[in-house]
Amino acid sequence: MSENQAPADASAAIDIPVVVEIEGVTPPTVFGRLSVSMDALWASMRHLPLDDFTMLAYQLFLTGPHAVENVIRLLDSGALSLGFTLAGETRRLKISRANPPEDRGGRAH
């Protein structure tokens, strides 16, 4: 398998717990599954008064082919923070692992 391909059983990777937030719109929220968090993010983003280009970009990022696998790959490098303008102010859509690798260390949570 090349490094750009998703694992054969992507469902295991999709189950990673994450914290997501849309600054000024939704509070930080923990989800047990990345796929569920991305559905929730899109459900919130699609109702915001964004320009057509920004709306399409977030729709593709959150719901497009291989969206979950792409976010998992990006999260391997750290938390995501994606900016957009809402009512003249910069806001951020944030996604991070709920328990980053450096915090796992075999401890019970």
N, C-alpha and C. Protein backbone atom coordinates (compact mmCIF):
# COMPACT_ATOMS: atom_id res chain seq x y z
N MET A 1 0.85 -1.17 0.00
CA MET A 1 0.00 0.00 0.00
C MET A 1 0.89 1.23 0.00
N SER A 2 0.57 2.21 -0.86
CA SER A 2 1.35 3.45 -0.87
C SER A 2 0.92 4.33 0.29
N GLU A 3 1.73 5.32 0.62
CA GLU A 3 1.41 6.16 1.78
C GLU A 3 0.18 7.02 1.56
N ASN A 4 -0.28 7.18 0.31
CA ASN A 4 -1.47 7.99 0.03
C ASN A 4 -2.76 7.19 0.06
N GLN A 5 -2.66 5.87 0.21
CA GLN A 5 -3.85 5.04 0.25
C GLN A 5 -4.33 4.89 1.68
N ALA A 6 -5.67 4.79 1.82
CA ALA A 6 -6.25 4.56 3.13
C ALA A 6 -6.02 3.12 3.53
N PRO A 7 -5.99 2.80 4.83
CA PRO A 7 -5.86 1.43 5.25
C PRO A 7 -7.02 0.60 4.72
N ALA A 8 -6.81 -0.70 4.57
CA ALA A 8 -7.86 -1.58 4.06
C ALA A 8 -9.10 -1.51 4.94
N ASP A 9 -8.93 -1.40 6.25
CA ASP A 9 -10.06 -1.28 7.15
C ASP A 9 -10.07 0.13 7.72
N ALA A 10 -10.60 1.07 6.92
CA ALA A 10 -10.61 2.47 7.33
C ALA A 10 -11.53 2.70 8.50
N SER A 11 -12.48 1.79 8.75
CA SER A 11 -13.42 2.02 9.85
C SER A 11 -12.70 2.10 11.19
N ALA A 12 -11.61 1.38 11.36
CA ALA A 12 -10.86 1.45 12.62
C ALA A 12 -10.27 2.85 12.80
N ALA A 13 -9.76 3.43 11.72
CA ALA A 13 -9.18 4.76 11.80
C ALA A 13 -10.26 5.83 12.01
N ILE A 14 -11.44 5.61 11.47
CA ILE A 14 -12.52 6.58 11.57
C ILE A 14 -12.99 6.71 13.01
N ASP A 15 -12.77 5.71 13.82
CA ASP A 15 -13.25 5.72 15.19
C ASP A 15 -12.39 6.54 16.14
N ILE A 16 -11.41 7.27 15.63
CA ILE A 16 -10.57 8.05 16.54
C ILE A 16 -11.41 9.16 17.18
N PRO A 17 -11.25 9.34 18.48
CA PRO A 17 -11.97 10.42 19.14
C PRO A 17 -11.33 11.77 18.83
N VAL A 18 -12.17 12.76 18.62
CA VAL A 18 -11.69 14.10 18.26
C VAL A 18 -12.45 15.16 19.05
N VAL A 19 -11.84 16.33 19.09
CA VAL A 19 -12.49 17.53 19.61
C VAL A 19 -12.64 18.48 18.43
N VAL A 20 -13.86 18.99 18.24
CA VAL A 20 -14.10 19.92 17.14
C VAL A 20 -14.74 21.20 17.67
N GLU A 21 -14.52 22.27 16.94
CA GLU A 21 -15.09 23.57 17.32
C GLU A 21 -15.18 24.44 16.09
N ILE A 22 -16.23 25.24 16.02
CA ILE A 22 -16.31 26.34 15.06
C ILE A 22 -16.34 27.59 15.92
N GLU A 23 -15.22 28.30 15.94
CA GLU A 23 -15.10 29.47 16.82
C GLU A 23 -16.27 30.43 16.64
N GLY A 24 -16.87 30.81 17.75
CA GLY A 24 -17.96 31.75 17.72
C GLY A 24 -19.29 31.18 17.26
N VAL A 25 -19.29 29.89 16.93
CA VAL A 25 -20.52 29.25 16.45
C VAL A 25 -20.88 28.05 17.32
N THR A 26 -19.93 27.15 17.53
CA THR A 26 -20.16 25.97 18.36
C THR A 26 -19.02 25.85 19.38
N PRO A 27 -19.31 25.38 20.58
CA PRO A 27 -18.24 25.20 21.57
C PRO A 27 -17.42 23.97 21.24
N PRO A 28 -16.23 23.84 21.85
CA PRO A 28 -15.46 22.61 21.67
C PRO A 28 -16.30 21.41 22.13
N THR A 29 -16.36 20.40 21.28
CA THR A 29 -17.18 19.22 21.55
C THR A 29 -16.38 17.97 21.23
N VAL A 30 -16.43 16.99 22.13
CA VAL A 30 -15.73 15.71 21.93
C VAL A 30 -16.66 14.75 21.21
N PHE A 31 -16.14 14.10 20.18
CA PHE A 31 -16.84 13.05 19.46
C PHE A 31 -16.01 11.78 19.52
N GLY A 32 -16.64 10.65 19.69
CA GLY A 32 -15.94 9.37 19.71
C GLY A 32 -15.52 8.90 18.33
N ARG A 33 -16.13 9.46 17.29
CA ARG A 33 -15.82 9.07 15.91
C ARG A 33 -15.63 10.31 15.05
N LEU A 34 -14.53 10.34 14.36
CA LEU A 34 -14.23 11.45 13.46
C LEU A 34 -15.33 11.63 12.42
N SER A 35 -15.82 10.53 11.84
CA SER A 35 -16.83 10.63 10.79
C SER A 35 -18.09 11.33 11.30
N VAL A 36 -18.49 11.04 12.52
CA VAL A 36 -19.67 11.68 13.10
C VAL A 36 -19.41 13.17 13.33
N SER A 37 -18.20 13.50 13.77
CA SER A 37 -17.87 14.91 14.00
C SER A 37 -17.89 15.70 12.70
N MET A 38 -17.43 15.09 11.61
CA MET A 38 -17.42 15.79 10.33
C MET A 38 -18.84 16.01 9.82
N ASP A 39 -19.73 15.05 10.05
CA ASP A 39 -21.14 15.25 9.70
C ASP A 39 -21.72 16.42 10.50
N ALA A 40 -21.41 16.48 11.79
CA ALA A 40 -21.92 17.55 12.64
C ALA A 40 -21.33 18.91 12.23
N LEU A 41 -20.06 18.94 11.90
CA LEU A 41 -19.45 20.19 11.44
C LEU A 41 -20.13 20.69 10.17
N TRP A 42 -20.36 19.80 9.21
CA TRP A 42 -21.00 20.21 7.97
C TRP A 42 -22.44 20.67 8.24
N ALA A 43 -23.14 19.99 9.14
CA ALA A 43 -24.51 20.39 9.47
C ALA A 43 -24.53 21.82 10.01
N SER A 44 -23.50 22.22 10.74
CA SER A 44 -23.41 23.60 11.25
C SER A 44 -22.93 24.57 10.17
N MET A 45 -21.86 24.20 9.46
CA MET A 45 -21.27 25.10 8.47
C MET A 45 -22.23 25.43 7.34
N ARG A 46 -23.03 24.47 6.92
CA ARG A 46 -23.88 24.69 5.74
C ARG A 46 -24.98 25.72 5.98
N HIS A 47 -25.22 26.07 7.23
CA HIS A 47 -26.23 27.07 7.54
C HIS A 47 -25.64 28.47 7.77
N LEU A 48 -24.32 28.58 7.70
CA LEU A 48 -23.69 29.88 7.89
C LEU A 48 -23.76 30.70 6.61
N PRO A 49 -23.82 32.02 6.73
CA PRO A 49 -23.87 32.87 5.53
C PRO A 49 -22.47 33.07 4.92
N LEU A 50 -21.99 32.02 4.27
CA LEU A 50 -20.66 32.05 3.65
C LEU A 50 -20.81 32.26 2.15
N ASP A 51 -19.77 32.80 1.50
CA ASP A 51 -19.81 32.95 0.05
C ASP A 51 -19.78 31.56 -0.60
N ASP A 52 -20.17 31.50 -1.86
CA ASP A 52 -20.31 30.21 -2.55
C ASP A 52 -19.00 29.42 -2.59
N PHE A 53 -17.89 30.10 -2.84
CA PHE A 53 -16.60 29.41 -2.91
C PHE A 53 -16.23 28.77 -1.57
N THR A 54 -16.37 29.54 -0.50
CA THR A 54 -16.04 29.02 0.83
C THR A 54 -16.95 27.87 1.20
N MET A 55 -18.25 28.00 0.90
CA MET A 55 -19.20 26.93 1.21
C MET A 55 -18.83 25.65 0.47
N LEU A 56 -18.51 25.77 -0.82
CA LEU A 56 -18.13 24.60 -1.60
C LEU A 56 -16.84 23.97 -1.06
N ALA A 57 -15.87 24.81 -0.70
CA ALA A 57 -14.61 24.28 -0.17
C ALA A 57 -14.83 23.48 1.11
N TYR A 58 -15.64 24.00 2.02
CA TYR A 58 -15.91 23.27 3.27
C TYR A 58 -16.76 22.04 3.03
N GLN A 59 -17.70 22.13 2.09
CA GLN A 59 -18.50 20.95 1.75
C GLN A 59 -17.60 19.82 1.25
N LEU A 60 -16.71 20.13 0.34
CA LEU A 60 -15.80 19.10 -0.18
C LEU A 60 -14.86 18.59 0.90
N PHE A 61 -14.34 19.49 1.72
CA PHE A 61 -13.42 19.08 2.78
C PHE A 61 -14.09 18.15 3.78
N LEU A 62 -15.34 18.45 4.15
CA LEU A 62 -16.02 17.68 5.20
C LEU A 62 -16.82 16.48 4.68
N THR A 63 -17.23 16.50 3.41
CA THR A 63 -18.12 15.44 2.92
C THR A 63 -17.64 14.77 1.65
N GLY A 64 -16.59 15.26 1.03
CA GLY A 64 -16.14 14.74 -0.25
C GLY A 64 -15.54 13.35 -0.16
N PRO A 65 -15.22 12.78 -1.33
CA PRO A 65 -14.62 11.45 -1.36
C PRO A 65 -13.35 11.41 -0.49
N HIS A 66 -13.25 10.42 0.34
CA HIS A 66 -12.08 10.20 1.20
C HIS A 66 -11.87 11.32 2.22
N ALA A 67 -12.91 12.09 2.52
CA ALA A 67 -12.77 13.22 3.45
C ALA A 67 -12.23 12.78 4.81
N VAL A 68 -12.80 11.72 5.35
CA VAL A 68 -12.37 11.26 6.68
C VAL A 68 -10.92 10.79 6.64
N GLU A 69 -10.58 10.01 5.64
CA GLU A 69 -9.21 9.52 5.52
C GLU A 69 -8.23 10.68 5.35
N ASN A 70 -8.62 11.70 4.58
CA ASN A 70 -7.76 12.86 4.40
C ASN A 70 -7.54 13.60 5.71
N VAL A 71 -8.59 13.78 6.50
CA VAL A 71 -8.45 14.47 7.79
C VAL A 71 -7.58 13.66 8.74
N ILE A 72 -7.77 12.34 8.75
CA ILE A 72 -6.92 11.49 9.60
C ILE A 72 -5.45 11.70 9.23
N ARG A 73 -5.16 11.70 7.95
CA ARG A 73 -3.77 11.89 7.50
C ARG A 73 -3.26 13.26 7.95
N LEU A 74 -4.08 14.30 7.84
CA LEU A 74 -3.66 15.63 8.27
C LEU A 74 -3.47 15.70 9.78
N LEU A 75 -4.33 15.01 10.53
CA LEU A 75 -4.21 15.01 11.99
C LEU A 75 -2.93 14.32 12.46
N ASP A 76 -2.37 13.46 11.64
CA ASP A 76 -1.10 12.83 12.00
C ASP A 76 0.01 13.86 12.17
N SER A 77 -0.16 15.04 11.55
CA SER A 77 0.81 16.12 11.68
C SER A 77 0.44 17.12 12.77
N GLY A 78 -0.72 16.93 13.39
CA GLY A 78 -1.15 17.83 14.46
C GLY A 78 -2.57 18.31 14.24
N ALA A 79 -3.03 19.18 15.12
CA ALA A 79 -4.39 19.70 15.06
C ALA A 79 -4.60 20.54 13.80
N LEU A 80 -5.84 20.55 13.31
CA LEU A 80 -6.20 21.36 12.15
C LEU A 80 -6.89 22.64 12.62
N SER A 81 -6.60 23.73 11.96
CA SER A 81 -7.27 24.99 12.23
C SER A 81 -7.45 25.69 10.89
N LEU A 82 -8.69 25.74 10.41
CA LEU A 82 -8.99 26.27 9.08
C LEU A 82 -9.78 27.56 9.22
N GLY A 83 -9.31 28.62 8.61
CA GLY A 83 -9.95 29.92 8.75
C GLY A 83 -11.00 30.20 7.69
N PHE A 84 -11.96 31.04 8.06
CA PHE A 84 -12.96 31.56 7.13
C PHE A 84 -13.48 32.86 7.71
N THR A 85 -14.13 33.66 6.86
CA THR A 85 -14.66 34.95 7.30
C THR A 85 -16.17 34.83 7.47
N LEU A 86 -16.64 35.28 8.63
CA LEU A 86 -18.07 35.26 8.93
C LEU A 86 -18.43 36.63 9.52
N ALA A 87 -19.33 37.32 8.85
CA ALA A 87 -19.76 38.65 9.30
C ALA A 87 -18.57 39.58 9.52
N GLY A 88 -17.60 39.51 8.61
CA GLY A 88 -16.45 40.40 8.67
C GLY A 88 -15.39 40.02 9.67
N GLU A 89 -15.56 38.90 10.36
CA GLU A 89 -14.57 38.45 11.34
C GLU A 89 -13.99 37.11 10.94
N THR A 90 -12.71 36.91 11.22
CA THR A 90 -12.08 35.63 10.96
C THR A 90 -12.48 34.65 12.04
N ARG A 91 -12.96 33.51 11.62
CA ARG A 91 -13.32 32.40 12.52
C ARG A 91 -12.48 31.20 12.12
N ARG A 92 -12.46 30.19 12.99
CA ARG A 92 -11.67 28.99 12.71
C ARG A 92 -12.50 27.75 12.97
N LEU A 93 -12.41 26.81 12.05
CA LEU A 93 -12.93 25.46 12.26
C LEU A 93 -11.74 24.65 12.77
N LYS A 94 -11.89 24.04 13.93
CA LYS A 94 -10.77 23.32 14.56
C LYS A 94 -11.12 21.85 14.74
N ILE A 95 -10.16 21.00 14.42
CA ILE A 95 -10.29 19.56 14.65
C ILE A 95 -8.98 19.08 15.25
N SER A 96 -9.06 18.37 16.36
CA SER A 96 -7.85 17.79 16.96
C SER A 96 -8.20 16.43 17.55
N ARG A 97 -7.19 15.62 17.71
CA ARG A 97 -7.41 14.33 18.38
C ARG A 97 -7.78 14.61 19.84
N ALA A 98 -8.74 13.85 20.35
CA ALA A 98 -9.14 14.03 21.74
C ALA A 98 -8.04 13.56 22.68
N ASN A 99 -7.26 12.60 22.24
CA ASN A 99 -6.12 12.11 23.02
C ASN A 99 -4.94 11.94 22.07
N PRO A 100 -4.20 13.04 21.85
CA PRO A 100 -3.06 12.99 20.94
C PRO A 100 -2.07 11.90 21.34
N PRO A 101 -1.30 11.38 20.37
CA PRO A 101 -0.35 10.30 20.66
C PRO A 101 0.55 10.57 21.85
N GLU A 102 1.01 11.81 22.02
CA GLU A 102 1.92 12.10 23.13
C GLU A 102 1.21 12.00 24.48
N ASP A 103 -0.15 12.01 24.48
CA ASP A 103 -0.91 11.91 25.73
C ASP A 103 -1.35 10.48 26.04
N ARG A 104 -1.16 9.55 25.11
CA ARG A 104 -1.70 8.19 25.30
C ARG A 104 -0.90 7.42 26.32
N GLY A 105 0.37 7.24 26.14
CA GLY A 105 1.31 6.66 27.09
C GLY A 105 0.81 5.57 28.02
N GLY A 106 -0.22 4.83 27.64
CA GLY A 106 -0.67 3.73 28.45
C GLY A 106 -1.48 4.10 29.68
N ARG A 107 -1.72 5.38 29.88
CA ARG A 107 -2.50 5.81 31.05
C ARG A 107 -3.99 5.61 30.78
N ALA A 108 -4.72 5.27 31.82
CA ALA A 108 -6.16 5.16 31.70
C ALA A 108 -6.77 6.56 31.71
N HIS A 109 -7.78 6.76 30.88
CA HIS A 109 -8.46 8.07 30.82
C HIS A 109 -9.87 7.93 31.30
